[in-house]
N, C-alpha and C. Protein backbone atom coordinates (compact mmCIF):
# COMPACT_ATOMS: atom_id res chain seq x y z
N MET A 1 12.05 -44.37 -32.16
CA MET A 1 13.09 -42.88 -32.31
C MET A 1 11.72 -41.80 -31.96
N GLN A 2 10.81 -41.97 -32.87
CA GLN A 2 9.76 -40.94 -32.95
C GLN A 2 9.22 -40.96 -31.68
N GLN A 3 8.65 -42.08 -31.12
CA GLN A 3 8.02 -42.16 -29.70
C GLN A 3 8.94 -41.24 -28.64
N ARG A 4 10.39 -41.38 -28.61
CA ARG A 4 11.12 -40.69 -27.94
C ARG A 4 11.11 -39.21 -28.11
N ILE A 5 11.04 -39.00 -29.21
CA ILE A 5 10.91 -37.28 -29.64
C ILE A 5 9.65 -36.95 -29.02
N VAL A 6 8.51 -37.37 -29.33
CA VAL A 6 7.10 -37.30 -28.84
C VAL A 6 7.08 -37.16 -27.36
N THR A 7 7.63 -38.02 -26.86
CA THR A 7 7.87 -38.03 -25.06
C THR A 7 8.41 -37.08 -24.86
N ALA A 8 9.74 -36.57 -25.15
CA ALA A 8 10.48 -35.31 -24.82
C ALA A 8 9.74 -34.20 -25.24
N LEU A 9 9.03 -34.11 -26.29
CA LEU A 9 8.24 -32.93 -26.74
C LEU A 9 7.13 -32.54 -25.72
N VAL A 10 6.43 -33.72 -25.19
CA VAL A 10 5.37 -33.58 -24.29
C VAL A 10 5.95 -33.18 -22.93
N ALA A 11 6.94 -33.83 -22.53
CA ALA A 11 7.67 -33.52 -21.29
C ALA A 11 8.16 -31.87 -21.28
N PHE A 12 8.59 -31.53 -22.33
CA PHE A 12 8.99 -29.99 -22.31
C PHE A 12 7.76 -29.23 -22.41
N LEU A 13 6.64 -29.43 -22.99
CA LEU A 13 5.51 -28.81 -23.32
C LEU A 13 4.68 -28.67 -21.42
N LEU A 14 4.93 -29.84 -20.92
CA LEU A 14 4.20 -29.77 -19.56
C LEU A 14 5.06 -29.13 -18.47
N LEU A 15 6.51 -29.16 -18.69
CA LEU A 15 7.44 -28.19 -17.98
C LEU A 15 7.09 -26.74 -18.07
N THR A 16 6.92 -26.48 -19.33
CA THR A 16 6.79 -25.04 -19.93
C THR A 16 5.58 -24.57 -19.10
N ALA A 17 4.35 -25.29 -19.46
CA ALA A 17 3.21 -25.01 -18.99
C ALA A 17 3.36 -24.78 -17.51
N THR A 18 3.80 -25.54 -16.63
CA THR A 18 4.10 -25.63 -15.32
C THR A 18 4.72 -24.46 -14.98
N LEU A 19 5.80 -23.99 -15.70
CA LEU A 19 6.63 -23.03 -15.21
C LEU A 19 5.91 -21.65 -15.43
N MET A 20 5.18 -21.58 -16.40
CA MET A 20 4.40 -20.48 -16.88
C MET A 20 3.30 -20.20 -15.95
N LEU A 21 2.70 -21.18 -15.45
CA LEU A 21 1.65 -21.17 -14.33
C LEU A 21 2.40 -20.70 -13.03
N GLY A 22 3.34 -21.02 -12.92
CA GLY A 22 4.25 -20.66 -11.55
C GLY A 22 4.37 -19.17 -11.75
N PHE A 23 4.55 -18.48 -12.85
CA PHE A 23 4.97 -17.05 -12.87
C PHE A 23 3.48 -16.40 -13.09
N VAL A 24 2.65 -16.84 -13.77
CA VAL A 24 1.78 -15.86 -14.00
C VAL A 24 0.48 -16.16 -12.90
N ARG A 25 0.18 -17.13 -12.11
CA ARG A 25 -0.84 -17.34 -11.23
C ARG A 25 -0.56 -16.34 -10.00
N PRO A 26 0.75 -16.12 -9.64
CA PRO A 26 0.91 -15.49 -8.50
C PRO A 26 0.51 -14.01 -8.65
N ALA A 27 0.54 -13.69 -9.98
CA ALA A 27 0.24 -12.17 -10.42
C ALA A 27 -1.12 -11.86 -10.14
N PHE A 28 -2.18 -12.90 -10.23
CA PHE A 28 -3.43 -12.82 -10.08
C PHE A 28 -3.81 -12.79 -8.47
N LEU A 29 -2.78 -13.52 -7.90
CA LEU A 29 -3.12 -13.59 -6.42
C LEU A 29 -2.74 -12.18 -5.58
N VAL A 30 -2.39 -11.30 -6.21
CA VAL A 30 -1.61 -10.17 -5.31
C VAL A 30 -2.82 -9.25 -5.16
N SER A 31 -2.74 -8.95 -3.83
CA SER A 31 -4.05 -8.24 -3.46
C SER A 31 -3.87 -6.77 -4.24
N THR A 32 -4.97 -6.01 -4.41
CA THR A 32 -5.08 -4.69 -5.05
C THR A 32 -4.61 -3.67 -4.02
N VAL A 33 -4.23 -2.75 -4.18
CA VAL A 33 -3.73 -1.52 -3.49
C VAL A 33 -4.91 -0.69 -3.34
N GLN A 34 -4.99 -0.17 -1.97
CA GLN A 34 -5.87 0.56 -1.63
C GLN A 34 -5.67 2.30 -1.13
N ALA A 35 -4.31 2.32 -1.22
CA ALA A 35 -3.95 3.86 -1.11
C ALA A 35 -4.40 4.77 -2.14
N LYS A 36 -4.73 5.79 -1.56
CA LYS A 36 -5.17 6.85 -2.43
C LYS A 36 -4.37 8.18 -2.37
N PRO A 37 -3.31 8.57 -3.23
CA PRO A 37 -2.55 9.68 -3.19
C PRO A 37 -3.34 10.87 -2.89
N ALA A 38 -4.60 11.00 -3.19
CA ALA A 38 -5.27 12.32 -2.92
C ALA A 38 -5.29 12.37 -1.25
N TYR A 39 -5.41 11.23 -0.59
CA TYR A 39 -5.72 11.46 0.93
C TYR A 39 -4.12 11.81 1.37
N MET A 40 -3.27 11.34 0.81
CA MET A 40 -1.85 11.74 1.26
C MET A 40 -1.48 13.11 1.12
N ASP A 41 -2.17 13.73 0.06
CA ASP A 41 -2.12 15.18 -0.28
C ASP A 41 -2.82 15.70 0.94
N ARG A 42 -3.87 15.20 1.30
CA ARG A 42 -4.49 15.84 2.32
C ARG A 42 -3.95 16.14 3.70
N TYR A 43 -3.12 15.04 4.01
CA TYR A 43 -2.13 14.97 5.29
C TYR A 43 -1.21 15.98 4.85
N ASN A 44 -0.41 16.10 3.80
CA ASN A 44 0.52 16.72 3.44
C ASN A 44 0.42 18.30 3.54
N ARG A 45 -0.77 18.53 3.00
CA ARG A 45 -1.28 20.05 2.87
C ARG A 45 -1.83 20.59 4.48
N ASP A 46 -1.81 19.61 5.39
CA ASP A 46 -2.33 20.21 6.70
C ASP A 46 -1.49 21.22 7.30
N THR A 47 -1.86 22.24 7.89
CA THR A 47 -1.20 23.08 8.45
C THR A 47 -0.06 22.67 9.59
N ARG A 48 -0.61 21.52 10.21
CA ARG A 48 0.17 20.91 11.42
C ARG A 48 0.95 19.75 11.15
N VAL A 49 1.09 19.42 9.87
CA VAL A 49 1.91 18.11 9.61
C VAL A 49 3.10 17.96 9.97
N ARG A 50 3.61 16.84 10.31
CA ARG A 50 5.13 16.72 10.75
C ARG A 50 5.68 16.67 9.46
N GLN A 51 6.55 17.42 9.27
CA GLN A 51 7.10 17.58 7.68
C GLN A 51 7.91 16.26 7.36
N GLU A 52 8.60 15.42 8.62
CA GLU A 52 9.44 14.28 8.17
C GLU A 52 8.58 13.07 7.86
N LEU A 53 7.12 13.34 8.10
CA LEU A 53 6.27 12.36 7.70
C LEU A 53 5.47 12.60 6.34
N THR A 54 5.86 13.91 5.71
CA THR A 54 4.93 13.96 4.37
C THR A 54 5.59 12.93 3.34
N ASN A 55 4.42 12.51 2.48
CA ASN A 55 4.66 11.48 1.37
C ASN A 55 5.00 10.00 2.15
N LYS A 56 4.71 9.79 3.30
CA LYS A 56 5.07 8.51 3.83
C LYS A 56 3.60 7.86 4.07
N CYS A 57 3.58 6.51 3.37
CA CYS A 57 2.31 5.95 3.25
C CYS A 57 2.17 5.27 4.62
N THR A 58 3.37 5.15 5.51
CA THR A 58 2.97 4.51 6.79
C THR A 58 2.22 5.40 7.82
N VAL A 59 1.86 6.59 7.36
CA VAL A 59 0.97 7.53 8.19
C VAL A 59 -0.32 6.82 8.44
N CYS A 60 -0.78 6.30 7.33
CA CYS A 60 -2.24 5.70 7.09
C CYS A 60 -2.02 3.94 7.10
N HIS A 61 -0.94 3.61 6.77
CA HIS A 61 -1.05 2.29 6.44
C HIS A 61 0.10 1.31 7.10
N VAL A 62 -0.12 -0.01 7.37
CA VAL A 62 1.10 -0.68 7.92
C VAL A 62 1.99 -1.21 6.84
N GLY A 63 3.13 -0.86 7.14
CA GLY A 63 4.23 -1.30 6.15
C GLY A 63 4.17 -0.27 5.07
N ARG A 64 5.04 -0.35 4.06
CA ARG A 64 4.92 0.83 3.15
C ARG A 64 4.01 0.46 1.97
N GLY A 65 3.30 -0.69 1.92
CA GLY A 65 2.07 -0.64 0.77
C GLY A 65 1.14 0.14 1.18
N GLY A 66 -0.15 0.14 0.34
CA GLY A 66 -1.21 0.87 0.52
C GLY A 66 -2.31 -0.33 1.06
N ASP A 67 -2.00 -1.21 1.69
CA ASP A 67 -3.10 -2.41 1.92
C ASP A 67 -3.72 -2.05 3.28
N THR A 68 -3.21 -2.80 4.33
CA THR A 68 -3.64 -2.77 5.73
C THR A 68 -3.61 -1.33 6.31
N ARG A 69 -4.67 -0.91 6.73
CA ARG A 69 -4.70 0.45 7.32
C ARG A 69 -4.21 0.34 9.06
N ASN A 70 -3.42 1.30 9.55
CA ASN A 70 -3.19 1.37 10.97
C ASN A 70 -4.23 2.16 11.52
N ASP A 71 -4.04 2.35 12.77
CA ASP A 71 -5.36 3.04 13.58
C ASP A 71 -5.56 4.40 13.14
N PHE A 72 -4.26 5.37 12.67
CA PHE A 72 -4.93 6.43 11.93
C PHE A 72 -5.57 6.38 10.77
N GLY A 73 -5.16 5.41 10.14
CA GLY A 73 -5.99 5.32 8.68
C GLY A 73 -7.09 4.97 8.87
N GLU A 74 -7.60 4.11 9.80
CA GLU A 74 -9.09 3.79 10.19
C GLU A 74 -9.60 5.02 10.64
N ALA A 75 -9.26 5.83 11.88
CA ALA A 75 -9.83 6.95 12.08
C ALA A 75 -9.90 8.18 11.13
N PHE A 76 -9.01 8.31 10.33
CA PHE A 76 -8.98 9.02 9.05
C PHE A 76 -10.35 8.72 8.16
N GLU A 77 -10.42 7.56 7.95
CA GLU A 77 -11.64 7.07 7.23
C GLU A 77 -12.88 7.46 7.80
N ASP A 78 -12.97 7.09 9.11
CA ASP A 78 -14.16 7.38 9.92
C ASP A 78 -14.30 8.79 10.01
N ALA A 79 -13.50 9.48 9.97
CA ALA A 79 -13.72 11.13 9.93
C ALA A 79 -14.02 11.59 8.44
N GLY A 80 -14.47 10.79 7.59
CA GLY A 80 -14.87 11.13 6.17
C GLY A 80 -13.38 11.66 5.62
N TYR A 81 -12.22 11.09 5.63
CA TYR A 81 -11.23 11.30 5.07
C TYR A 81 -10.77 12.65 5.23
N ARG A 82 -10.97 13.34 6.35
CA ARG A 82 -10.43 14.58 6.62
C ARG A 82 -9.61 14.68 7.86
N ILE A 83 -8.64 15.70 7.93
CA ILE A 83 -8.18 15.89 9.09
C ILE A 83 -8.73 16.78 9.83
N THR A 84 -9.16 16.42 11.12
CA THR A 84 -10.01 17.15 11.95
C THR A 84 -8.96 17.54 13.20
N PRO A 85 -9.58 18.43 13.93
CA PRO A 85 -8.98 18.72 15.49
C PRO A 85 -9.16 17.53 16.22
N LYS A 86 -10.05 16.57 16.33
CA LYS A 86 -10.06 15.36 16.85
C LYS A 86 -8.93 14.40 16.59
N LEU A 87 -8.82 14.47 15.32
CA LEU A 87 -7.52 13.52 14.76
C LEU A 87 -6.22 13.95 15.35
N ARG A 88 -6.07 14.97 15.14
CA ARG A 88 -4.64 15.84 15.36
C ARG A 88 -4.57 15.30 17.01
N GLU A 89 -5.62 15.57 17.95
CA GLU A 89 -5.49 15.36 19.11
C GLU A 89 -5.28 14.03 19.61
N GLN A 90 -6.13 12.88 18.75
CA GLN A 90 -5.96 11.49 19.14
C GLN A 90 -4.30 10.91 18.84
N PHE A 91 -3.76 11.69 17.62
CA PHE A 91 -2.56 11.03 17.01
C PHE A 91 -1.17 12.05 17.10
N PRO A 92 -1.13 12.56 18.36
CA PRO A 92 -0.01 13.71 18.40
C PRO A 92 1.20 13.46 17.96
N LYS A 93 1.62 12.18 17.61
CA LYS A 93 3.03 11.95 16.93
C LYS A 93 2.71 12.06 15.39
N LEU A 94 1.71 12.40 14.95
CA LEU A 94 1.52 12.68 13.51
C LEU A 94 1.70 14.04 13.28
N PHE A 95 1.12 14.89 14.22
CA PHE A 95 0.97 16.53 13.97
C PHE A 95 2.03 17.26 14.82
N VAL A 96 2.21 18.44 14.75
CA VAL A 96 2.82 19.32 15.92
C VAL A 96 1.70 20.37 16.05
N LYS A 97 2.06 20.88 17.20
CA LYS A 97 1.04 21.94 17.67
C LYS A 97 1.36 23.13 16.98
N SER A 98 0.37 24.07 16.57
CA SER A 98 0.59 25.30 15.82
C SER A 98 1.67 25.93 16.23
N ARG A 99 2.12 26.22 17.38
CA ARG A 99 3.16 27.17 17.62
C ARG A 99 4.73 26.26 17.33
N GLU A 100 4.66 25.13 17.42
CA GLU A 100 5.87 24.33 16.91
C GLU A 100 6.10 24.12 15.59
N GLN A 101 5.23 24.54 14.64
CA GLN A 101 5.20 24.49 13.20
C GLN A 101 6.10 25.36 12.69
N THR A 102 7.15 25.15 11.91
CA THR A 102 8.36 25.85 11.25
C THR A 102 7.83 26.58 10.33
N PRO A 103 8.08 27.78 9.82
CA PRO A 103 7.48 28.45 8.53
C PRO A 103 7.95 27.94 7.49
């Protein structure tokens, strides 16, 4: 009788440990987010920003997360994280011409 209790207890502990590792381990495997809200603010404050794109992570990143950068995100980094006339020219879908800008 005692041996069955011990066996059941050991099985329960192994199952519990396995389940815990199943939940805890993936938390450590998640990649860290690289998005910087200050960079989004730089885009949002630009005088030629497309209003429908303000506060959208996808301006610089693939998908909704802040991990992999898209072409604009890479070019923005190369430009020293500044919005330049060259960037506006390269990515016209992200900006409006100054005359099209609504007040």
